[in-house]
Amino acid sequence: MSMLETSVAEQITLDPEMRGKERIILVFDLNGEFYGLDVNLVREIVRVPGRITRVPKAPEYIRGVINLRGTVIPVLDMSVKMGREPSQAGADSRIVVAEFEDLNLGVIVDAVREVRTIYDSQVESADRVETNVEAEYLGGVAKIDDGRLICLLDLSRLFGIREIIEGEEDS
């Protein structure tokens, strides 16, 4: 990094206006990549239970449902939705329970890593960075100071949540 680039990077770090809006995200691993989800959407994080009840005729990416303290939560497999093999539950695997307009759903992840603050100045358009997720399902890609890239997910678009909610309202 040149002295000019270092100087600009230091300015952005120190100047709140240059950093832009603050965002707090939950960072998790899936298939060796880091993903981020707005913490305001996250309701809780639970261990993957020994059994997820399969739902007949559901799309393959819907692994099934779990009973979470009396509430039935659909569990979605992001790995399958991205065209990969189904996630295999390991010791660090978790279900991230998220909420969209009163609809709760769980997403299986390989491991939850951290809750992190990022700024708009760290986020680039998803079109400009190569990832394993289609750009339309991302709200951008955050470049972290330690060199990591975190794909900022739009779960609503990835799983068609808006269409599901509108379909329920039409029924």
C-alpha atoms as a PDB file:
ATOM      1  CA  MET A   1       0.000   0.000   0.000  1.00  0.00           C
ATOM      2  CA  SER A   2       1.441   3.381  -0.974  1.00  0.00           C
ATOM      3  CA  MET A   3       1.769   6.247   1.508  1.00  0.00           C
ATOM      4  CA  LEU A   4      -1.140   8.036  -0.185  1.00  0.00           C
ATOM      5  CA  GLU A   5      -3.383   4.954   0.119  1.00  0.00           C
ATOM      6  CA  THR A   6      -2.328   4.504   3.760  1.00  0.00           C
ATOM      7  CA  SER A   7      -3.098   8.146   4.487  1.00  0.00           C
ATOM      8  CA  VAL A   8      -6.568   7.881   2.904  1.00  0.00           C
ATOM      9  CA  ALA A   9      -7.258   4.636   4.796  1.00  0.00           C
ATOM     10  CA  GLU A  10      -6.251   6.295   8.087  1.00  0.00           C
ATOM     11  CA  GLN A  11      -8.510   9.279   7.338  1.00  0.00           C
ATOM     12  CA  ILE A  12     -11.492   7.018   6.667  1.00  0.00           C
ATOM     13  CA  THR A  13     -10.814   5.144   9.910  1.00  0.00           C
ATOM     14  CA  LEU A  14     -10.660   8.356  11.940  1.00  0.00           C
ATOM     15  CA  ASP A  15     -13.323  10.483  10.244  1.00  0.00           C
ATOM     16  CA  PRO A  16     -16.878   9.254  11.026  1.00  0.00           C
ATOM     17  CA  GLU A  17     -18.316  11.091   8.014  1.00  0.00           C
ATOM     18  CA  MET A  18     -15.920   9.352   5.629  1.00  0.00           C
ATOM     19  CA  ARG A  19     -16.652   5.946   7.173  1.00  0.00           C
ATOM     20  CA  GLY A  20     -20.340   6.288   6.403  1.00  0.00           C
ATOM     21  CA  LYS A  21     -23.225   4.592   8.124  1.00  0.00           C
ATOM     22  CA  GLU A  22     -22.437   2.000  10.777  1.00  0.00           C
ATOM     23  CA  ARG A  23     -23.843  -1.516  10.377  1.00  0.00           C
ATOM     24  CA  ILE A  24     -23.688  -4.377  12.837  1.00  0.00           C
ATOM     25  CA  ILE A  25     -23.611  -7.834  11.311  1.00  0.00           C
ATOM     26  CA  LEU A  26     -23.485 -11.443  12.415  1.00  0.00           C
ATOM     27  CA  VAL A  27     -20.585 -13.139  10.615  1.00  0.00           C
ATOM     28  CA  PHE A  28     -20.778 -16.856   9.856  1.00  0.00           C
ATOM     29  CA  ASP A  29     -19.010 -19.493   7.754  1.00  0.00           C
ATOM     30  CA  LEU A  30     -20.572 -21.494   4.985  1.00  0.00           C
ATOM     31  CA  ASN A  31     -18.556 -23.636   2.580  1.00  0.00           C
ATOM     32  CA  GLY A  32     -15.320 -21.854   3.514  1.00  0.00           C
ATOM     33  CA  GLU A  33     -16.610 -18.335   2.877  1.00  0.00           C
ATOM     34  CA  PHE A  34     -17.651 -15.623   5.300  1.00  0.00           C
ATOM     35  CA  TYR A  35     -21.172 -14.216   5.165  1.00  0.00           C
ATOM     36  CA  GLY A  36     -22.796 -11.413   7.091  1.00  0.00           C
ATOM     37  CA  LEU A  37     -26.385 -10.848   8.137  1.00  0.00           C
ATOM     38  CA  ASP A  38     -27.823  -7.696   9.709  1.00  0.00           C
ATOM     39  CA  VAL A  39     -28.126  -8.418  13.449  1.00  0.00           C
ATOM     40  CA  ASN A  40     -31.505  -6.675  13.524  1.00  0.00           C
ATOM     41  CA  LEU A  41     -32.891  -9.642  11.564  1.00  0.00           C
ATOM     42  CA  VAL A  42     -31.384 -12.264  13.885  1.00  0.00           C
ATOM     43  CA  ARG A  43     -33.689 -13.512  16.644  1.00  0.00           C
ATOM     44  CA  GLU A  44     -31.437 -16.214  18.033  1.00  0.00           C
ATOM     45  CA  ILE A  45     -28.811 -18.820  17.261  1.00  0.00           C
ATOM     46  CA  VAL A  46     -29.436 -22.470  18.154  1.00  0.00           C
ATOM     47  CA  ARG A  47     -27.585 -25.753  17.807  1.00  0.00           C
ATOM     48  CA  VAL A  48     -28.687 -27.963  14.950  1.00  0.00           C
ATOM     49  CA  PRO A  49     -30.989 -30.563  16.525  1.00  0.00           C
ATOM     50  CA  GLY A  50     -30.480 -34.265  15.928  1.00  0.00           C
ATOM     51  CA  ARG A  51     -33.626 -34.341  13.826  1.00  0.00           C
ATOM     52  CA  ILE A  52     -35.153 -31.846  11.430  1.00  0.00           C
ATOM     53  CA  THR A  53     -38.624 -32.937  10.320  1.00  0.00           C
ATOM     54  CA  ARG A  54     -38.795 -33.113   6.524  1.00  0.00           C
ATOM     55  CA  VAL A  55     -41.716 -31.382   4.786  1.00  0.00           C
ATOM     56  CA  PRO A  56     -43.267 -33.406   1.911  1.00  0.00           C
ATOM     57  CA  LYS A  57     -43.053 -31.810  -1.547  1.00  0.00           C
ATOM     58  CA  ALA A  58     -40.986 -28.879  -0.252  1.00  0.00           C
ATOM     59  CA  PRO A  59     -38.144 -27.545  -2.416  1.00  0.00           C
ATOM     60  CA  GLU A  60     -34.830 -29.300  -1.764  1.00  0.00           C
ATOM     61  CA  TYR A  61     -33.347 -26.230  -0.037  1.00  0.00           C
ATOM     62  CA  ILE A  62     -36.036 -26.446   2.661  1.00  0.00           C
ATOM     63  CA  ARG A  63     -34.478 -29.000   4.987  1.00  0.00           C
ATOM     64  CA  GLY A  64     -37.625 -29.229   7.084  1.00  0.00           C
ATOM     65  CA  VAL A  65     -38.983 -27.737  10.278  1.00  0.00           C
ATOM     66  CA  ILE A  66     -37.986 -27.683  13.932  1.00  0.00           C
ATOM     67  CA  ASN A  67     -40.028 -27.022  17.047  1.00  0.00           C
ATOM     68  CA  LEU A  68     -38.375 -24.149  18.884  1.00  0.00           C
ATOM     69  CA  ARG A  69     -40.097 -23.715  22.243  1.00  0.00           C
ATOM     70  CA  GLY A  70     -43.531 -24.321  20.723  1.00  0.00           C
ATOM     71  CA  THR A  71     -42.968 -22.403  17.494  1.00  0.00           C
ATOM     72  CA  VAL A  72     -42.537 -24.268  14.203  1.00  0.00           C
ATOM     73  CA  ILE A  73     -39.526 -22.836  12.350  1.00  0.00           C
ATOM     74  CA  PRO A  74     -38.774 -23.746   8.721  1.00  0.00           C
ATOM     75  CA  VAL A  75     -35.078 -24.573   8.283  1.00  0.00           C
ATOM     76  CA  LEU A  76     -33.440 -23.548   5.029  1.00  0.00           C
ATOM     77  CA  ASP A  77     -30.160 -24.792   3.584  1.00  0.00           C
ATOM     78  CA  MET A  78     -28.332 -21.911   1.936  1.00  0.00           C
ATOM     79  CA  SER A  79     -25.735 -24.302   0.540  1.00  0.00           C
ATOM     80  CA  VAL A  80     -28.376 -26.142  -1.521  1.00  0.00           C
ATOM     81  CA  LYS A  81     -29.947 -22.854  -2.625  1.00  0.00           C
ATOM     82  CA  MET A  82     -26.505 -21.853  -3.964  1.00  0.00           C
ATOM     83  CA  GLY A  83     -26.310 -25.065  -6.016  1.00  0.00           C
ATOM     84  CA  ARG A  84     -24.003 -27.013  -3.726  1.00  0.00           C
ATOM     85  CA  GLU A  85     -24.258 -30.181  -1.696  1.00  0.00           C
ATOM     86  CA  PRO A  86     -26.493 -30.055   1.403  1.00  0.00           C
ATOM     87  CA  SER A  87     -24.819 -28.737   4.557  1.00  0.00           C
ATOM     88  CA  GLN A  88     -23.517 -31.441   6.854  1.00  0.00           C
ATOM     89  CA  ALA A  89     -24.089 -30.674  10.527  1.00  0.00           C
ATOM     90  CA  GLY A  90     -20.820 -30.575  12.449  1.00  0.00           C
ATOM     91  CA  ALA A  91     -19.910 -29.679  16.015  1.00  0.00           C
ATOM     92  CA  ASP A  92     -19.849 -25.941  15.179  1.00  0.00           C
ATOM     93  CA  SER A  93     -22.954 -25.916  12.944  1.00  0.00           C
ATOM     94  CA  ARG A  94     -25.812 -23.692  14.021  1.00  0.00           C
ATOM     95  CA  ILE A  95     -29.229 -22.553  12.883  1.00  0.00           C
ATOM     96  CA  VAL A  96     -29.488 -18.781  12.680  1.00  0.00           C
ATOM     97  CA  VAL A  97     -33.128 -17.892  13.312  1.00  0.00           C
ATOM     98  CA  ALA A  98     -34.067 -14.715  11.462  1.00  0.00           C
ATOM     99  CA  GLU A  99     -37.317 -12.757  11.251  1.00  0.00           C
ATOM    100  CA  PHE A 100     -38.854 -11.047   8.220  1.00  0.00           C
ATOM    101  CA  GLU A 101     -42.152  -9.240   8.752  1.00  0.00           C
ATOM    102  CA  ASP A 102     -43.337 -11.680  11.447  1.00  0.00           C
ATOM    103  CA  LEU A 103     -42.078 -14.721   9.516  1.00  0.00           C
ATOM    104  CA  ASN A 104     -39.408 -16.670  11.401  1.00  0.00           C
ATOM    105  CA  LEU A 105     -37.040 -18.961   9.548  1.00  0.00           C
ATOM    106  CA  GLY A 106     -33.826 -20.763  10.335  1.00  0.00           C
ATOM    107  CA  VAL A 107     -30.733 -20.964   8.146  1.00  0.00           C
ATOM    108  CA  ILE A 108     -28.138 -23.688   8.637  1.00  0.00           C
ATOM    109  CA  VAL A 109     -24.559 -22.365   8.793  1.00  0.00           C
ATOM    110  CA  ASP A 110     -21.244 -24.164   9.313  1.00  0.00           C
ATOM    111  CA  ALA A 111     -20.214 -21.910  12.216  1.00  0.00           C
ATOM    112  CA  VAL A 112     -21.061 -18.542  13.728  1.00  0.00           C
ATOM    113  CA  ARG A 113     -17.882 -16.467  14.039  1.00  0.00           C
ATOM    114  CA  GLU A 114     -18.579 -13.010  15.454  1.00  0.00           C
ATOM    115  CA  VAL A 115     -20.731  -9.934  15.677  1.00  0.00           C
ATOM    116  CA  ARG A 116     -18.916  -7.133  13.871  1.00  0.00           C
ATOM    117  CA  THR A 117     -19.349  -3.458  13.134  1.00  0.00           C
ATOM    118  CA  ILE A 118     -18.721  -2.415   9.547  1.00  0.00           C
ATOM    119  CA  TYR A 119     -19.122   0.894   7.763  1.00  0.00           C
ATOM    120  CA  ASP A 120     -20.457   1.859   4.347  1.00  0.00           C
ATOM    121  CA  SER A 121     -16.914   2.828   3.300  1.00  0.00           C
ATOM    122  CA  GLN A 122     -15.919  -0.852   3.631  1.00  0.00           C
ATOM    123  CA  VAL A 123     -18.745  -2.134   1.423  1.00  0.00           C
ATOM    124  CA  GLU A 124     -18.420  -2.588  -2.321  1.00  0.00           C
ATOM    125  CA  SER A 125     -21.040  -3.570  -4.848  1.00  0.00           C
ATOM    126  CA  ALA A 126     -21.464  -7.332  -5.147  1.00  0.00           C
ATOM    127  CA  ASP A 127     -21.046  -6.989  -8.930  1.00  0.00           C
ATOM    128  CA  ARG A 128     -17.416  -5.925  -8.447  1.00  0.00           C
ATOM    129  CA  VAL A 129     -16.299  -8.942  -6.401  1.00  0.00           C
ATOM    130  CA  GLU A 130     -16.326 -12.607  -7.401  1.00  0.00           C
ATOM    131  CA  THR A 131     -18.216 -14.805  -4.930  1.00  0.00           C
ATOM    132  CA  ASN A 132     -20.077 -18.115  -4.954  1.00  0.00           C
ATOM    133  CA  VAL A 133     -23.393 -16.308  -4.482  1.00  0.00           C
ATOM    134  CA  GLU A 134     -25.214 -14.527  -7.274  1.00  0.00           C
ATOM    135  CA  ALA A 135     -24.900 -10.748  -6.884  1.00  0.00           C
ATOM    136  CA  GLU A 136     -28.685 -10.307  -6.749  1.00  0.00           C
ATOM    137  CA  TYR A 137     -28.718 -12.114  -3.382  1.00  0.00           C
ATOM    138  CA  LEU A 138     -26.110  -9.837  -1.830  1.00  0.00           C
ATOM    139  CA  GLY A 139     -26.312  -6.363  -0.365  1.00  0.00           C
ATOM    140  CA  GLY A 140     -22.614  -5.904  -1.099  1.00  0.00           C
ATOM    141  CA  VAL A 141     -19.269  -7.280  -0.007  1.00  0.00           C
ATOM    142  CA  ALA A 142     -17.463  -5.861   3.033  1.00  0.00           C
ATOM    143  CA  LYS A 143     -13.679  -5.592   2.901  1.00  0.00           C
ATOM    144  CA  ILE A 144     -12.372  -6.088   6.422  1.00  0.00           C
ATOM    145  CA  ASP A 145      -9.070  -4.603   7.622  1.00  0.00           C
ATOM    146  CA  ASP A 146      -7.596  -8.086   8.171  1.00  0.00           C
ATOM    147  CA  GLY A 147      -8.075  -8.860   4.457  1.00  0.00           C
ATOM    148  CA  ARG A 148     -11.246 -10.938   4.714  1.00  0.00           C
ATOM    149  CA  LEU A 149     -14.217 -10.428   2.434  1.00  0.00           C
ATOM    150  CA  ILE A 150     -17.653 -10.818   3.993  1.00  0.00           C
ATOM    151  CA  CYS A 151     -20.596 -11.323   1.622  1.00  0.00           C
ATOM    152  CA  LEU A 152     -23.549  -9.351   3.009  1.00  0.00           C
ATOM    153  CA  LEU A 153     -26.596 -11.513   2.451  1.00  0.00           C
ATOM    154  CA  ASP A 154     -30.087 -10.471   1.514  1.00  0.00           C
ATOM    155  CA  LEU A 155     -31.897 -13.572   2.808  1.00  0.00           C
ATOM    156  CA  SER A 156     -35.227 -12.151   1.699  1.00  0.00           C
ATOM    157  CA  ARG A 157     -34.105 -12.228  -1.934  1.00  0.00           C
ATOM    158  CA  LEU A 158     -32.114 -15.456  -1.650  1.00  0.00           C
ATOM    159  CA  PHE A 159     -35.082 -17.448  -0.403  1.00  0.00           C
ATOM    160  CA  GLY A 160     -37.896 -15.414  -2.007  1.00  0.00           C
ATOM    161  CA  ILE A 161     -39.325 -14.431   1.394  1.00  0.00           C
ATOM    162  CA  ARG A 162     -41.292 -11.491   0.000  1.00  0.00           C
ATOM    163  CA  GLU A 163     -43.056 -13.825  -2.476  1.00  0.00           C
ATOM    164  CA  ILE A 164     -43.840 -16.295   0.319  1.00  0.00           C
ATOM    165  CA  ILE A 165     -45.353 -13.559   2.499  1.00  0.00           C
ATOM    166  CA  GLU A 166     -47.385 -12.120  -0.394  1.00  0.00           C
ATOM    167  CA  GLY A 167     -48.560 -15.642  -1.309  1.00  0.00           C
ATOM    168  CA  GLU A 168     -49.823 -16.179   2.247  1.00  0.00           C
ATOM    169  CA  GLU A 169     -51.679 -12.849   2.162  1.00  0.00           C
ATOM    170  CA  ASP A 170     -53.382 -13.802  -1.129  1.00  0.00           C
ATOM    171  CA  SER A 171     -54.569 -17.162   0.266  1.00  0.00           C
END
